Amino acid sequence: MNMAKTSFNDIIASDIPVLVDFSAEWCGPCKAMAPILREVAGKVGDKARIVKIDVDRNPAVAERFKVQAVPTLIVFQNGQVKWRQAGMQSAQQLTNVLNGFAGN
């Protein structure tokens, strides 16, 4: 996703849940989350969105949400933080969280 065309505020203002994966290129666990997030995306379909944010390229966004460790996963809905967790998460847990906010 090209952040220049769509602002972060526009992305998280969605009425469907948006899972933001705050990560970094140098982070091993972040790389391990990639296939998990692909699996979650396949399970939730268009009921939720998943967006990856590189904290090194987007330091202002990371600072705004006080992201201290990567990976940090935050679910936004209507611009508000609904859920957050630092560290590796299972596909099942993330799917359950997103489905909960999607109303399923």
Protein backbone atom coordinates (compact mmCIF):
# COMPACT_ATOMS: atom_id res chain seq x y z
CA MET A 1 0.00 0.00 0.00
CA ASN A 2 1.31 3.42 -0.91
CA MET A 3 1.09 5.57 2.21
CA ALA A 4 1.54 8.75 0.19
CA LYS A 5 -1.82 8.25 -1.52
CA THR A 6 -3.75 7.19 1.56
CA SER A 7 -3.05 8.67 4.96
CA PHE A 8 -2.78 6.43 8.00
CA ASN A 9 -5.78 8.25 9.51
CA ASP A 10 -7.86 7.37 6.44
CA ILE A 11 -6.84 3.72 6.69
CA ILE A 12 -7.78 3.36 10.38
CA ALA A 13 -11.02 5.37 10.04
CA SER A 14 -12.64 2.35 8.40
CA ASP A 15 -15.79 0.87 9.92
CA ILE A 16 -14.39 -2.60 9.27
CA PRO A 17 -11.58 -3.66 11.63
CA VAL A 18 -8.06 -2.87 10.43
CA LEU A 19 -5.21 -4.94 11.84
CA VAL A 20 -1.98 -2.96 11.67
CA ASP A 21 1.24 -4.93 11.92
CA PHE A 22 3.96 -2.59 13.18
CA SER A 23 7.18 -4.29 12.12
CA ALA A 24 10.74 -3.73 10.92
CA GLU A 25 12.97 -5.25 8.24
CA TRP A 26 15.58 -6.35 10.81
CA CYS A 27 13.03 -8.11 13.06
CA GLY A 28 13.05 -11.93 12.85
CA PRO A 29 9.66 -12.45 14.56
CA CYS A 30 8.16 -9.83 12.20
CA LYS A 31 9.23 -11.92 9.21
CA ALA A 32 7.73 -14.99 10.90
CA MET A 33 4.40 -13.13 11.22
CA ALA A 34 4.09 -12.67 7.42
CA PRO A 35 2.68 -16.14 6.62
CA ILE A 36 0.45 -15.96 9.73
CA LEU A 37 -1.00 -12.65 8.53
CA ARG A 38 -1.56 -14.10 5.03
CA GLU A 39 -3.47 -16.98 6.64
CA VAL A 40 -5.56 -14.55 8.70
CA ALA A 41 -6.30 -12.45 5.60
CA GLY A 42 -7.53 -15.59 3.85
CA LYS A 43 -9.81 -16.44 6.76
CA VAL A 44 -11.36 -13.00 7.33
CA GLY A 45 -11.65 -12.01 3.66
CA ASP A 46 -13.21 -8.59 3.17
CA LYS A 47 -14.56 -8.42 6.76
CA ALA A 48 -11.24 -6.87 7.86
CA ARG A 49 -8.08 -5.33 6.45
CA ILE A 50 -4.47 -6.07 7.32
CA VAL A 51 -1.87 -3.35 6.88
CA LYS A 52 1.88 -3.59 7.50
CA ILE A 53 3.71 -0.50 8.79
CA ASP A 54 7.50 -0.38 8.88
CA VAL A 55 8.39 1.52 12.07
CA ASP A 56 11.72 2.65 10.62
CA ARG A 57 10.00 4.22 7.59
CA ASN A 58 7.05 5.59 9.57
CA PRO A 59 8.51 6.70 12.93
CA ALA A 60 5.82 9.34 13.55
CA VAL A 61 3.02 6.75 13.33
CA ALA A 62 4.94 4.33 15.57
CA GLU A 63 5.55 7.10 18.10
CA ARG A 64 1.94 8.27 18.02
CA PHE A 65 0.76 4.81 19.10
CA LYS A 66 3.69 4.28 21.45
CA VAL A 67 4.97 1.21 19.64
CA GLN A 68 8.04 0.19 21.65
CA ALA A 69 8.57 -3.36 20.39
CA VAL A 70 8.09 -5.10 17.08
CA PRO A 71 6.00 -6.83 16.08
CA THR A 72 3.15 -4.92 17.68
CA LEU A 73 -0.30 -5.66 16.33
CA ILE A 74 -3.08 -3.12 16.80
CA VAL A 75 -6.69 -3.42 15.65
CA PHE A 76 -8.32 -0.11 14.76
CA GLN A 77 -11.96 0.49 14.00
CA ASN A 78 -13.48 3.90 13.25
CA GLY A 79 -10.12 5.46 14.09
CA GLN A 80 -9.97 3.98 17.60
CA VAL A 81 -7.64 1.37 19.06
CA LYS A 82 -9.78 -1.68 19.84
CA TRP A 83 -7.07 -4.24 20.66
CA ARG A 84 -3.29 -4.36 20.81
CA GLN A 85 -0.64 -6.94 21.55
CA ALA A 86 3.13 -6.98 21.22
CA GLY A 87 4.92 -10.10 20.03
CA MET A 88 4.02 -13.11 17.93
CA GLN A 89 0.35 -14.04 17.73
CA SER A 90 -1.31 -17.13 16.32
CA ALA A 91 -3.47 -17.01 13.21
CA GLN A 92 -6.37 -18.40 15.24
CA GLN A 93 -6.14 -15.68 17.89
CA LEU A 94 -5.92 -12.88 15.30
CA THR A 95 -8.80 -14.36 13.30
CA ASN A 96 -10.93 -14.54 16.46
CA VAL A 97 -10.11 -10.93 17.36
CA LEU A 98 -10.94 -9.61 13.89
CA ASN A 99 -14.12 -11.66 13.59
CA GLY A 100 -15.19 -10.33 17.00
CA PHE A 101 -14.92 -6.73 15.82
CA ALA A 102 -16.39 -7.56 12.40
CA GLY A 103 -19.54 -8.71 14.18
CA ASN A 104 -19.21 -12.45 13.61
